[in-house]
Amino acid sequence: MIKQINNCKHEFDKLLAENSPDTDWEKEAEKLLERIKFFQHERIVHLIVTMTMSLLTVIFVCVLNFVGETVLIPFVLLFALCLALTAAYLVHYYRLENGVQELYGYYEKFVGKFT
């Protein structure tokens, strides 16, 4: 997903650098809005997954306080797995969010070209 956003930004940088008079900026802005809608959907999905993993991590922390020593190791392993996945999802969500915010900036530049 991050690669797709970077490809979009690269394409838009090239389009803005060319600044061709033949470019239909209104049409380009509409295409960009469609891409932003797609990425917004991905943001929602990744937010749900990130929040779920965070909740599971907190649940395992609470469970670790109450389990006996006989089942401690499996819960510690599950906690470590959830913590690692939560960290990975947070980094991914952060990059996805910032990428979409940058696309908003491109949209404003495109709109500025035809208004």
PDB file of N, CA and C in Angstrom:
ATOM      1  N   MET A   1       0.821  -1.187   0.000  1.00  0.00           N
ATOM      2  CA  MET A   1       0.000   0.000   0.000  1.00  0.00           C
ATOM      3  C   MET A   1       0.873   1.262   0.000  1.00  0.00           C
ATOM      4  N   ILE A   2       1.906   1.255   0.821  1.00  0.00           N
ATOM      5  CA  ILE A   2       2.799   2.410   0.883  1.00  0.00           C
ATOM      6  C   ILE A   2       3.492   2.593  -0.468  1.00  0.00           C
ATOM      7  N   LYS A   3       3.815   1.477  -1.102  1.00  0.00           N
ATOM      8  CA  LYS A   3       4.459   1.547  -2.421  1.00  0.00           C
ATOM      9  C   LYS A   3       3.516   2.200  -3.440  1.00  0.00           C
ATOM     10  N   GLN A   4       2.233   1.873  -3.371  1.00  0.00           N
ATOM     11  CA  GLN A   4       1.262   2.476  -4.287  1.00  0.00           C
ATOM     12  C   GLN A   4       1.137   3.982  -4.047  1.00  0.00           C
ATOM     13  N   ILE A   5       1.140   4.382  -2.787  1.00  0.00           N
ATOM     14  CA  ILE A   5       1.073   5.812  -2.484  1.00  0.00           C
ATOM     15  C   ILE A   5       2.309   6.518  -3.009  1.00  0.00           C
ATOM     16  N   ASN A   6       3.473   5.909  -2.804  1.00  0.00           N
ATOM     17  CA  ASN A   6       4.710   6.518  -3.305  1.00  0.00           C
ATOM     18  C   ASN A   6       4.717   6.607  -4.827  1.00  0.00           C
ATOM     19  N   ASN A   7       4.186   5.583  -5.491  1.00  0.00           N
ATOM     20  CA  ASN A   7       4.082   5.637  -6.955  1.00  0.00           C
ATOM     21  C   ASN A   7       3.159   6.778  -7.393  1.00  0.00           C
ATOM     22  N   CYS A   8       2.044   6.946  -6.681  1.00  0.00           N
ATOM     23  CA  CYS A   8       1.128   8.052  -6.990  1.00  0.00           C
ATOM     24  C   CYS A   8       1.825   9.387  -6.819  1.00  0.00           C
ATOM     25  N   LYS A   9       2.535   9.546  -5.714  1.00  0.00           N
ATOM     26  CA  LYS A   9       3.217  10.817  -5.459  1.00  0.00           C
ATOM     27  C   LYS A   9       4.272  11.085  -6.529  1.00  0.00           C
ATOM     28  N   HIS A  10       4.972  10.039  -6.933  1.00  0.00           N
ATOM     29  CA  HIS A  10       5.985  10.193  -7.975  1.00  0.00           C
ATOM     30  C   HIS A  10       5.333  10.632  -9.299  1.00  0.00           C
ATOM     31  N   GLU A  11       4.222  10.003  -9.617  1.00  0.00           N
ATOM     32  CA  GLU A  11       3.480  10.342 -10.838  1.00  0.00           C
ATOM     33  C   GLU A  11       2.983  11.788 -10.780  1.00  0.00           C
ATOM     34  N   PHE A  12       2.484  12.210  -9.635  1.00  0.00           N
ATOM     35  CA  PHE A  12       1.959  13.572  -9.500  1.00  0.00           C
ATOM     36  C   PHE A  12       3.082  14.605  -9.501  1.00  0.00           C
ATOM     37  N   ASP A  13       4.224  14.257  -8.906  1.00  0.00           N
ATOM     38  CA  ASP A  13       5.378  15.166  -8.961  1.00  0.00           C
ATOM     39  C   ASP A  13       5.796  15.395 -10.408  1.00  0.00           C
ATOM     40  N   LYS A  14       5.805  14.310 -11.179  1.00  0.00           N
ATOM     41  CA  LYS A  14       6.180  14.405 -12.589  1.00  0.00           C
ATOM     42  C   LYS A  14       5.171  15.264 -13.353  1.00  0.00           C
ATOM     43  N   LEU A  15       3.894  15.062 -13.070  1.00  0.00           N
ATOM     44  CA  LEU A  15       2.838  15.829 -13.737  1.00  0.00           C
ATOM     45  C   LEU A  15       2.938  17.314 -13.391  1.00  0.00           C
ATOM     46  N   LEU A  16       3.201  17.613 -12.137  1.00  0.00           N
ATOM     47  CA  LEU A  16       3.330  19.012 -11.723  1.00  0.00           C
ATOM     48  C   LEU A  16       4.597  19.650 -12.281  1.00  0.00           C
ATOM     49  N   ALA A  17       5.665  18.864 -12.394  1.00  0.00           N
ATOM     50  CA  ALA A  17       6.924  19.400 -12.920  1.00  0.00           C
ATOM     51  C   ALA A  17       6.790  19.727 -14.410  1.00  0.00           C
ATOM     52  N   GLU A  18       6.067  18.868 -15.149  1.00  0.00           N
ATOM     53  CA  GLU A  18       5.864  19.122 -16.580  1.00  0.00           C
ATOM     54  C   GLU A  18       5.000  20.361 -16.781  1.00  0.00           C
ATOM     55  N   ASN A  19       3.956  20.492 -15.980  1.00  0.00           N
ATOM     56  CA  ASN A  19       3.046  21.642 -16.041  1.00  0.00           C
ATOM     57  C   ASN A  19       2.620  21.947 -17.479  1.00  0.00           C
ATOM     58  N   SER A  20       2.240  20.893 -18.172  1.00  0.00           N
ATOM     59  CA  SER A  20       1.840  21.019 -19.566  1.00  0.00           C
ATOM     60  C   SER A  20       0.513  21.777 -19.681  1.00  0.00           C
ATOM     61  N   PRO A  21       0.410  22.665 -20.678  1.00  0.00           N
ATOM     62  CA  PRO A  21      -0.866  23.377 -20.863  1.00  0.00           C
ATOM     63  C   PRO A  21      -1.976  22.447 -21.355  1.00  0.00           C
ATOM     64  N   ASP A  22      -1.599  21.280 -21.871  1.00  0.00           N
ATOM     65  CA  ASP A  22      -2.595  20.318 -22.354  1.00  0.00           C
ATOM     66  C   ASP A  22      -3.201  19.487 -21.227  1.00  0.00           C
ATOM     67  N   THR A  23      -2.648  19.584 -20.032  1.00  0.00           N
ATOM     68  CA  THR A  23      -3.125  18.765 -18.917  1.00  0.00           C
ATOM     69  C   THR A  23      -4.486  19.252 -18.454  1.00  0.00           C
ATOM     70  N   ASP A  24      -5.412  18.323 -18.359  1.00  0.00           N
ATOM     71  CA  ASP A  24      -6.744  18.631 -17.834  1.00  0.00           C
ATOM     72  C   ASP A  24      -6.677  18.451 -16.313  1.00  0.00           C
ATOM     73  N   TRP A  25      -6.417  19.553 -15.608  1.00  0.00           N
ATOM     74  CA  TRP A  25      -6.198  19.493 -14.166  1.00  0.00           C
ATOM     75  C   TRP A  25      -7.453  19.067 -13.417  1.00  0.00           C
ATOM     76  N   GLU A  26      -8.605  19.430 -13.957  1.00  0.00           N
ATOM     77  CA  GLU A  26      -9.850  19.032 -13.308  1.00  0.00           C
ATOM     78  C   GLU A  26     -10.016  17.509 -13.355  1.00  0.00           C
ATOM     79  N   LYS A  27      -9.701  16.924 -14.501  1.00  0.00           N
ATOM     80  CA  LYS A  27      -9.786  15.473 -14.639  1.00  0.00           C
ATOM     81  C   LYS A  27      -8.743  14.787 -13.749  1.00  0.00           C
ATOM     82  N   GLU A  28      -7.543  15.359 -13.691  1.00  0.00           N
ATOM     83  CA  GLU A  28      -6.495  14.790 -12.835  1.00  0.00           C
ATOM     84  C   GLU A  28      -6.901  14.869 -11.360  1.00  0.00           C
ATOM     85  N   ALA A  29      -7.562  15.956 -10.975  1.00  0.00           N
ATOM     86  CA  ALA A  29      -8.025  16.105  -9.596  1.00  0.00           C
ATOM     87  C   ALA A  29      -9.085  15.054  -9.274  1.00  0.00           C
ATOM     88  N   GLU A  30      -9.972  14.785 -10.238  1.00  0.00           N
ATOM     89  CA  GLU A  30     -10.994  13.758 -10.034  1.00  0.00           C
ATOM     90  C   GLU A  30     -10.368  12.377  -9.878  1.00  0.00           C
ATOM     91  N   LYS A  31      -9.367  12.073 -10.713  1.00  0.00           N
ATOM     92  CA  LYS A  31      -8.680  10.783 -10.604  1.00  0.00           C
ATOM     93  C   LYS A  31      -7.983  10.663  -9.253  1.00  0.00           C
ATOM     94  N   LEU A  32      -7.389  11.767  -8.815  1.00  0.00           N
ATOM     95  CA  LEU A  32      -6.717  11.755  -7.516  1.00  0.00           C
ATOM     96  C   LEU A  32      -7.717  11.532  -6.388  1.00  0.00           C
ATOM     97  N   LEU A  33      -8.892  12.150  -6.496  1.00  0.00           N
ATOM     98  CA  LEU A  33      -9.921  11.936  -5.473  1.00  0.00           C
ATOM     99  C   LEU A  33     -10.338  10.473  -5.392  1.00  0.00           C
ATOM    100  N   GLU A  34     -10.422   9.801  -6.540  1.00  0.00           N
ATOM    101  CA  GLU A  34     -10.760   8.376  -6.548  1.00  0.00           C
ATOM    102  C   GLU A  34      -9.690   7.567  -5.828  1.00  0.00           C
ATOM    103  N   ARG A  35      -8.441   7.895  -6.074  1.00  0.00           N
ATOM    104  CA  ARG A  35      -7.349   7.196  -5.390  1.00  0.00           C
ATOM    105  C   ARG A  35      -7.374   7.476  -3.899  1.00  0.00           C
ATOM    106  N   ILE A  36      -7.645   8.722  -3.535  1.00  0.00           N
ATOM    107  CA  ILE A  36      -7.703   9.076  -2.112  1.00  0.00           C
ATOM    108  C   ILE A  36      -8.820   8.294  -1.426  1.00  0.00           C
ATOM    109  N   LYS A  37      -9.969   8.143  -2.089  1.00  0.00           N
ATOM    110  CA  LYS A  37     -11.071   7.364  -1.515  1.00  0.00           C
ATOM    111  C   LYS A  37     -10.641   5.922  -1.271  1.00  0.00           C
ATOM    112  N   PHE A  38      -9.913   5.350  -2.211  1.00  0.00           N
ATOM    113  CA  PHE A  38      -9.411   3.988  -2.057  1.00  0.00           C
ATOM    114  C   PHE A  38      -8.477   3.900  -0.858  1.00  0.00           C
ATOM    115  N   PHE A  39      -7.557   4.852  -0.753  1.00  0.00           N
ATOM    116  CA  PHE A  39      -6.609   4.837   0.361  1.00  0.00           C
ATOM    117  C   PHE A  39      -7.293   5.123   1.689  1.00  0.00           C
ATOM    118  N   GLN A  40      -8.357   5.930   1.679  1.00  0.00           N
ATOM    119  CA  GLN A  40      -9.104   6.175   2.911  1.00  0.00           C
ATOM    120  C   GLN A  40      -9.764   4.886   3.406  1.00  0.00           C
ATOM    121  N   HIS A  41     -10.263   4.097   2.468  1.00  0.00           N
ATOM    122  CA  HIS A  41     -10.841   2.808   2.835  1.00  0.00           C
ATOM    123  C   HIS A  41      -9.771   1.933   3.483  1.00  0.00           C
ATOM    124  N   GLU A  42      -8.588   1.912   2.915  1.00  0.00           N
ATOM    125  CA  GLU A  42      -7.489   1.132   3.481  1.00  0.00           C
ATOM    126  C   GLU A  42      -7.115   1.651   4.870  1.00  0.00           C
ATOM    127  N   ARG A  43      -7.155   2.966   5.043  1.00  0.00           N
ATOM    128  CA  ARG A  43      -6.850   3.543   6.360  1.00  0.00           C
ATOM    129  C   ARG A  43      -7.831   3.041   7.406  1.00  0.00           C
ATOM    130  N   ILE A  44      -9.102   2.991   7.056  1.00  0.00           N
ATOM    131  CA  ILE A  44     -10.119   2.523   8.010  1.00  0.00           C
ATOM    132  C   ILE A  44      -9.858   1.067   8.374  1.00  0.00           C
ATOM    133  N   VAL A  45      -9.596   0.242   7.371  1.00  0.00           N
ATOM    134  CA  VAL A  45      -9.339  -1.173   7.628  1.00  0.00           C
ATOM    135  C   VAL A  45      -8.112  -1.331   8.526  1.00  0.00           C
ATOM    136  N   HIS A  46      -7.051  -0.611   8.212  1.00  0.00           N
ATOM    137  CA  HIS A  46      -5.837  -0.736   9.014  1.00  0.00           C
ATOM    138  C   HIS A  46      -6.020  -0.146  10.414  1.00  0.00           C
ATOM    139  N   LEU A  47      -6.854   0.865  10.555  1.00  0.00           N
ATOM    140  CA  LEU A  47      -7.146   1.395  11.882  1.00  0.00           C
ATOM    141  C   LEU A  47      -7.866   0.352  12.726  1.00  0.00           C
ATOM    142  N   ILE A  48      -8.828  -0.326  12.135  1.00  0.00           N
ATOM    143  CA  ILE A  48      -9.563  -1.377  12.857  1.00  0.00           C
ATOM    144  C   ILE A  48      -8.618  -2.492  13.272  1.00  0.00           C
ATOM    145  N   VAL A  49      -7.761  -2.925  12.357  1.00  0.00           N
ATOM    146  CA  VAL A  49      -6.814  -3.994  12.679  1.00  0.00           C
ATOM    147  C   VAL A  49      -5.838  -3.540  13.760  1.00  0.00           C
ATOM    148  N   THR A  50      -5.336  -2.318  13.645  1.00  0.00           N
ATOM    149  CA  THR A  50      -4.390  -1.805  14.634  1.00  0.00           C
ATOM    150  C   THR A  50      -5.044  -1.712  16.014  1.00  0.00           C
ATOM    151  N   MET A  51      -6.262  -1.210  16.065  1.00  0.00           N
ATOM    152  CA  MET A  51      -6.957  -1.106  17.351  1.00  0.00           C
ATOM    153  C   MET A  51      -7.259  -2.483  17.941  1.00  0.00           C
ATOM    154  N   THR A  52      -7.604  -3.435  17.093  1.00  0.00           N
ATOM    155  CA  THR A  52      -7.859  -4.790  17.572  1.00  0.00           C
ATOM    156  C   THR A  52      -6.600  -5.406  18.163  1.00  0.00           C
ATOM    157  N   MET A  53      -5.487  -5.254  17.462  1.00  0.00           N
ATOM    158  CA  MET A  53      -4.234  -5.807  17.983  1.00  0.00           C
ATOM    159  C   MET A  53      -3.824  -5.105  19.279  1.00  0.00           C
ATOM    160  N   SER A  54      -4.043  -3.808  19.358  1.00  0.00           N
ATOM    161  CA  SER A  54      -3.724  -3.071  20.585  1.00  0.00           C
ATOM    162  C   SER A  54      -4.589  -3.559  21.744  1.00  0.00           C
ATOM    163  N   LEU A  55      -5.861  -3.778  21.475  1.00  0.00           N
ATOM    164  CA  LEU A  55      -6.766  -4.284  22.499  1.00  0.00           C
ATOM    165  C   LEU A  55      -6.346  -5.673  22.965  1.00  0.00           C
ATOM    166  N   LEU A  56      -5.994  -6.531  22.024  1.00  0.00           N
ATOM    167  CA  LEU A  56      -5.527  -7.873  22.393  1.00  0.00           C
ATOM    168  C   LEU A  56      -4.257  -7.806  23.239  1.00  0.00           C
ATOM    169  N   THR A  57      -3.378  -6.892  22.911  1.00  0.00           N
ATOM    170  CA  THR A  57      -2.149  -6.737  23.690  1.00  0.00           C
ATOM    171  C   THR A  57      -2.473  -6.333  25.124  1.00  0.00           C
ATOM    172  N   VAL A  58      -3.390  -5.390  25.278  1.00  0.00           N
ATOM    173  CA  VAL A  58      -3.784  -4.961  26.620  1.00  0.00           C
ATOM    174  C   VAL A  58      -4.472  -6.103  27.371  1.00  0.00           C
ATOM    175  N   ILE A  59      -5.298  -6.860  26.671  1.00  0.00           N
ATOM    176  CA  ILE A  59      -5.969  -8.006  27.300  1.00  0.00           C
ATOM    177  C   ILE A  59      -4.937  -9.014  27.795  1.00  0.00           C
ATOM    178  N   PHE A  60      -3.910  -9.290  26.992  1.00  0.00           N
ATOM    179  CA  PHE A  60      -2.885 -10.243  27.424  1.00  0.00           C
ATOM    180  C   PHE A  60      -2.086  -9.711  28.604  1.00  0.00           C
ATOM    181  N   VAL A  61      -1.881  -8.414  28.677  1.00  0.00           N
ATOM    182  CA  VAL A  61      -1.210  -7.841  29.852  1.00  0.00           C
ATOM    183  C   VAL A  61      -2.064  -8.082  31.093  1.00  0.00           C
ATOM    184  N   CYS A  62      -3.362  -7.868  30.970  1.00  0.00           N
ATOM    185  CA  CYS A  62      -4.259  -8.109  32.098  1.00  0.00           C
ATOM    186  C   CYS A  62      -4.297  -9.588  32.473  1.00  0.00           C
ATOM    187  N   VAL A  63      -4.354 -10.446  31.477  1.00  0.00           N
ATOM    188  CA  VAL A  63      -4.395 -11.888  31.734  1.00  0.00           C
ATOM    189  C   VAL A  63      -3.107 -12.352  32.408  1.00  0.00           C
ATOM    190  N   LEU A  64      -1.976 -11.775  32.008  1.00  0.00           N
ATOM    191  CA  LEU A  64      -0.700 -12.164  32.610  1.00  0.00           C
ATOM    192  C   LEU A  64      -0.668 -11.874  34.110  1.00  0.00           C
ATOM    193  N   ASN A  65      -1.438 -10.915  34.554  1.00  0.00           N
ATOM    194  CA  ASN A  65      -1.490 -10.605  35.979  1.00  0.00           C
ATOM    195  C   ASN A  65      -2.253 -11.657  36.776  1.00  0.00           C
ATOM    196  N   PHE A  66      -3.109 -12.422  36.107  1.00  0.00           N
ATOM    197  CA  PHE A  66      -3.977 -13.343  36.829  1.00  0.00           C
ATOM    198  C   PHE A  66      -3.691 -14.818  36.579  1.00  0.00           C
ATOM    199  N   VAL A  67      -2.870 -15.163  35.605  1.00  0.00           N
ATOM    200  CA  VAL A  67      -2.633 -16.581  35.314  1.00  0.00           C
ATOM    201  C   VAL A  67      -1.612 -17.147  36.282  1.00  0.00           C
ATOM    202  N   GLY A  68      -1.721 -18.434  36.472  1.00  0.00           N
ATOM    203  CA  GLY A  68      -0.751 -19.119  37.328  1.00  0.00           C
ATOM    204  C   GLY A  68       0.541 -19.380  36.563  1.00  0.00           C
ATOM    205  N   GLU A  69       1.529 -19.847  37.289  1.00  0.00           N
ATOM    206  CA  GLU A  69       2.836 -20.076  36.673  1.00  0.00           C
ATOM    207  C   GLU A  69       2.823 -21.218  35.662  1.00  0.00           C
ATOM    208  N   THR A  70       1.860 -22.110  35.751  1.00  0.00           N
ATOM    209  CA  THR A  70       1.835 -23.256  34.847  1.00  0.00           C
ATOM    210  C   THR A  70       1.494 -22.862  33.414  1.00  0.00           C
ATOM    211  N   VAL A  71       0.721 -21.818  33.229  1.00  0.00           N
ATOM    212  CA  VAL A  71       0.352 -21.386  31.871  1.00  0.00           C
ATOM    213  C   VAL A  71       0.981 -20.037  31.520  1.00  0.00           C
ATOM    214  N   LEU A  72       1.981 -19.628  32.249  1.00  0.00           N
ATOM    215  CA  LEU A  72       2.585 -18.317  32.046  1.00  0.00           C
ATOM    216  C   LEU A  72       3.303 -18.211  30.702  1.00  0.00           C
ATOM    217  N   ILE A  73       4.064 -19.235  30.330  1.00  0.00           N
ATOM    218  CA  ILE A  73       4.878 -19.163  29.107  1.00  0.00           C
ATOM    219  C   ILE A  73       4.026 -19.000  27.850  1.00  0.00           C
ATOM    220  N   PRO A  74       2.954 -19.763  27.662  1.00  0.00           N
ATOM    221  CA  PRO A  74       2.141 -19.539  26.454  1.00  0.00           C
ATOM    222  C   PRO A  74       1.560 -18.125  26.387  1.00  0.00           C
ATOM    223  N   PHE A  75       1.135 -17.606  27.536  1.00  0.00           N
ATOM    224  CA  PHE A  75       0.575 -16.248  27.525  1.00  0.00           C
ATOM    225  C   PHE A  75       1.652 -15.197  27.277  1.00  0.00           C
ATOM    226  N   VAL A  76       2.848 -15.417  27.765  1.00  0.00           N
ATOM    227  CA  VAL A  76       3.950 -14.493  27.495  1.00  0.00           C
ATOM    228  C   VAL A  76       4.274 -14.505  26.003  1.00  0.00           C
ATOM    229  N   LEU A  77       4.273 -15.701  25.402  1.00  0.00           N
ATOM    230  CA  LEU A  77       4.536 -15.791  23.958  1.00  0.00           C
ATOM    231  C   LEU A  77       3.434 -15.105  23.148  1.00  0.00           C
ATOM    232  N   LEU A  78       2.189 -15.306  23.539  1.00  0.00           N
ATOM    233  CA  LEU A  78       1.087 -14.641  22.841  1.00  0.00           C
ATOM    234  C   LEU A  78       1.169 -13.124  23.021  1.00  0.00           C
ATOM    235  N   PHE A  79       1.532 -12.682  24.222  1.00  0.00           N
ATOM    236  CA  PHE A  79       1.701 -11.255  24.462  1.00  0.00           C
ATOM    237  C   PHE A  79       2.810 -10.695  23.583  1.00  0.00           C
ATOM    238  N   ALA A  80       3.938 -11.397  23.502  1.00  0.00           N
ATOM    239  CA  ALA A  80       5.061 -10.924  22.681  1.00  0.00           C
ATOM    240  C   ALA A  80       4.653 -10.838  21.209  1.00  0.00           C
ATOM    241  N   LEU A  81       3.919 -11.844  20.744  1.00  0.00           N
ATOM    242  CA  LEU A  81       3.449 -11.831  19.363  1.00  0.00           C
ATOM    243  C   LEU A  81       2.511 -10.644  19.117  1.00  0.00           C
ATOM    244  N   CYS A  82       1.557 -10.445  20.011  1.00  0.00           N
ATOM    245  CA  CYS A  82       0.621  -9.313  19.860  1.00  0.00           C
ATOM    246  C   CYS A  82       1.355  -7.983  19.935  1.00  0.00           C
ATOM    247  N   LEU A  83       2.334  -7.873  20.807  1.00  0.00           N
ATOM    248  CA  LEU A  83       3.085  -6.629  20.931  1.00  0.00           C
ATOM    249  C   LEU A  83       3.872  -6.334  19.650  1.00  0.00           C
ATOM    250  N   ALA A  84       4.495  -7.371  19.092  1.00  0.00           N
ATOM    251  CA  ALA A  84       5.252  -7.187  17.849  1.00  0.00           C
ATOM    252  C   ALA A  84       4.320  -6.807  16.692  1.00  0.00           C
ATOM    253  N   LEU A  85       3.182  -7.467  16.593  1.00  0.00           N
ATOM    254  CA  LEU A  85       2.229  -7.141  15.532  1.00  0.00           C
ATOM    255  C   LEU A  85       1.649  -5.739  15.713  1.00  0.00           C
ATOM    256  N   THR A  86       1.379  -5.370  16.945  1.00  0.00           N
ATOM    257  CA  THR A  86       0.865  -4.025  17.211  1.00  0.00           C
ATOM    258  C   THR A  86       1.878  -2.975  16.778  1.00  0.00           C
ATOM    259  N   ALA A  87       3.142  -3.191  17.116  1.00  0.00           N
ATOM    260  CA  ALA A  87       4.189  -2.241  16.718  1.00  0.00           C
ATOM    261  C   ALA A  87       4.279  -2.142  15.200  1.00  0.00           C
ATOM    262  N   ALA A  88       4.234  -3.277  14.520  1.00  0.00           N
ATOM    263  CA  ALA A  88       4.312  -3.277  13.056  1.00  0.00           C
ATOM    264  C   ALA A  88       3.103  -2.561  12.443  1.00  0.00           C
ATOM    265  N   TYR A  89       1.912  -2.833  12.972  1.00  0.00           N
ATOM    266  CA  TYR A  89       0.714  -2.175  12.451  1.00  0.00           C
ATOM    267  C   TYR A  89       0.729  -0.674  12.723  1.00  0.00           C
ATOM    268  N   LEU A  90       1.242  -0.266  13.881  1.00  0.00           N
ATOM    269  CA  LEU A  90       1.320   1.163  14.179  1.00  0.00           C
ATOM    270  C   LEU A  90       2.249   1.880  13.211  1.00  0.00           C
ATOM    271  N   VAL A  91       3.387   1.268  12.916  1.00  0.00           N
ATOM    272  CA  VAL A  91       4.324   1.877  11.959  1.00  0.00           C
ATOM    273  C   VAL A  91       3.674   1.960  10.584  1.00  0.00           C
ATOM    274  N   HIS A  92       3.022   0.870  10.162  1.00  0.00           N
ATOM    275  CA  HIS A  92       2.373   0.855   8.853  1.00  0.00           C
ATOM    276  C   HIS A  92       1.249   1.888   8.793  1.00  0.00           C
ATOM    277  N   TYR A  93       0.437   1.951   9.827  1.00  0.00           N
ATOM    278  CA  TYR A  93      -0.676   2.903   9.837  1.00  0.00           C
ATOM    279  C   TYR A  93      -0.157   4.335   9.818  1.00  0.00           C
ATOM    280  N   TYR A  94       0.908   4.593  10.544  1.00  0.00           N
ATOM    281  CA  TYR A  94       1.514   5.928  10.563  1.00  0.00           C
ATOM    282  C   TYR A  94       1.957   6.334   9.158  1.00  0.00           C
ATOM    283  N   ARG A  95       2.637   5.430   8.467  1.00  0.00           N
ATOM    284  CA  ARG A  95       3.103   5.723   7.115  1.00  0.00           C
ATOM    285  C   ARG A  95       1.931   5.889   6.149  1.00  0.00           C
ATOM    286  N   LEU A  96       0.916   5.065   6.298  1.00  0.00           N
ATOM    287  CA  LEU A  96      -0.273   5.158   5.449  1.00  0.00           C
ATOM    288  C   LEU A  96      -0.993   6.488   5.676  1.00  0.00           C
ATOM    289  N   GLU A  97      -1.155   6.867   6.923  1.00  0.00           N
ATOM    290  CA  GLU A  97      -1.826   8.127   7.250  1.00  0.00           C
ATOM    291  C   GLU A  97      -1.060   9.319   6.676  1.00  0.00           C
ATOM    292  N   ASN A  98       0.247   9.348   6.863  1.00  0.00           N
ATOM    293  CA  ASN A  98       1.038  10.460   6.343  1.00  0.00           C
ATOM    294  C   ASN A  98       1.027  10.497   4.820  1.00  0.00           C
ATOM    295  N   GLY A  99       1.028   9.336   4.182  1.00  0.00           N
ATOM    296  CA  GLY A  99       0.965   9.284   2.720  1.00  0.00           C
ATOM    297  C   GLY A  99      -0.330   9.866   2.188  1.00  0.00           C
ATOM    298  N   VAL A 100      -1.433   9.535   2.829  1.00  0.00           N
ATOM    299  CA  VAL A 100      -2.727  10.059   2.389  1.00  0.00           C
ATOM    300  C   VAL A 100      -2.794  11.567   2.639  1.00  0.00           C
ATOM    301  N   GLN A 101      -2.224  12.023   3.741  1.00  0.00           N
ATOM    302  CA  GLN A 101      -2.198  13.464   4.007  1.00  0.00           C
ATOM    303  C   GLN A 101      -1.419  14.198   2.914  1.00  0.00           C
ATOM    304  N   GLU A 102      -0.344  13.598   2.442  1.00  0.00           N
ATOM    305  CA  GLU A 102       0.425  14.205   1.347  1.00  0.00           C
ATOM    306  C   GLU A 102      -0.397  14.243   0.058  1.00  0.00           C
ATOM    307  N   LEU A 103      -1.208  13.219  -0.168  1.00  0.00           N
ATOM    308  CA  LEU A 103      -2.068  13.212  -1.354  1.00  0.00           C
ATOM    309  C   LEU A 103      -3.091  14.345  -1.290  1.00  0.00           C
ATOM    310  N   TYR A 104      -3.549  14.679  -0.086  1.00  0.00           N
ATOM    311  CA  TYR A 104      -4.440  15.837   0.056  1.00  0.00           C
ATOM    312  C   TYR A 104      -3.748  17.102  -0.441  1.00  0.00           C
ATOM    313  N   GLY A 105      -2.466  17.231  -0.148  1.00  0.00           N
ATOM    314  CA  GLY A 105      -1.700  18.386  -0.615  1.00  0.00           C
ATOM    315  C   GLY A 105      -1.636  18.443  -2.130  1.00  0.00           C
ATOM    316  N   TYR A 106      -1.443  17.274  -2.754  1.00  0.00           N
ATOM    317  CA  TYR A 106      -1.440  17.231  -4.220  1.00  0.00           C
ATOM    318  C   TYR A 106      -2.803  17.641  -4.764  1.00  0.00           C
ATOM    319  N   TYR A 107      -3.861  17.198  -4.123  1.00  0.00           N
ATOM    320  CA  TYR A 107      -5.202  17.559  -4.578  1.00  0.00           C
ATOM    321  C   TYR A 107      -5.386  19.082  -4.541  1.00  0.00           C
ATOM    322  N   GLU A 108      -4.931  19.705  -3.473  1.00  0.00           N
ATOM    323  CA  GLU A 108      -5.052  21.161  -3.371  1.00  0.00           C
ATOM    324  C   GLU A 108      -4.250  21.859  -4.473  1.00  0.00           C
ATOM    325  N   LYS A 109      -3.089  21.306  -4.813  1.00  0.00           N
ATOM    326  CA  LYS A 109      -2.297  21.886  -5.911  1.00  0.00           C
ATOM    327  C   LYS A 109      -3.024  21.734  -7.242  1.00  0.00           C
ATOM    328  N   PHE A 110      -3.630  20.571  -7.459  1.00  0.00           N
ATOM    329  CA  PHE A 110      -4.368  20.348  -8.700  1.00  0.00           C
ATOM    330  C   PHE A 110      -5.555  21.294  -8.816  1.00  0.00           C
ATOM    331  N   VAL A 111      -6.291  21.442  -7.724  1.00  0.00           N
ATOM    332  CA  VAL A 111      -7.453  22.334  -7.728  1.00  0.00           C
ATOM    333  C   VAL A 111      -6.999  23.764  -7.969  1.00  0.00           C
ATOM    334  N   GLY A 112      -5.850  24.138  -7.427  1.00  0.00           N
ATOM    335  CA  GLY A 112      -5.327  25.481  -7.640  1.00  0.00           C
ATOM    336  C   GLY A 112      -4.971  25.747  -9.095  1.00  0.00           C
ATOM    337  N   LYS A 113      -4.744  24.702  -9.858  1.00  0.00           N
ATOM    338  CA  LYS A 113      -4.386  24.870 -11.276  1.00  0.00           C
ATOM    339  C   LYS A 113      -5.587  25.240 -12.135  1.00  0.00           C
ATOM    340  N   PHE A 114      -6.803  24.846 -11.735  1.00  0.00           N
ATOM    341  CA  PHE A 114      -7.942  25.137 -12.597  1.00  0.00           C
ATOM    342  C   PHE A 114      -8.952  26.080 -11.965  1.00  0.00           C
ATOM    343  N   THR A 115      -8.679  26.598 -10.795  1.00  0.00           N
ATOM    344  CA  THR A 115      -9.619  27.566 -10.226  1.00  0.00           C
ATOM    345  C   THR A 115      -9.065  28.965 -10.295  1.00  0.00           C
TER     346      THR A 115
END
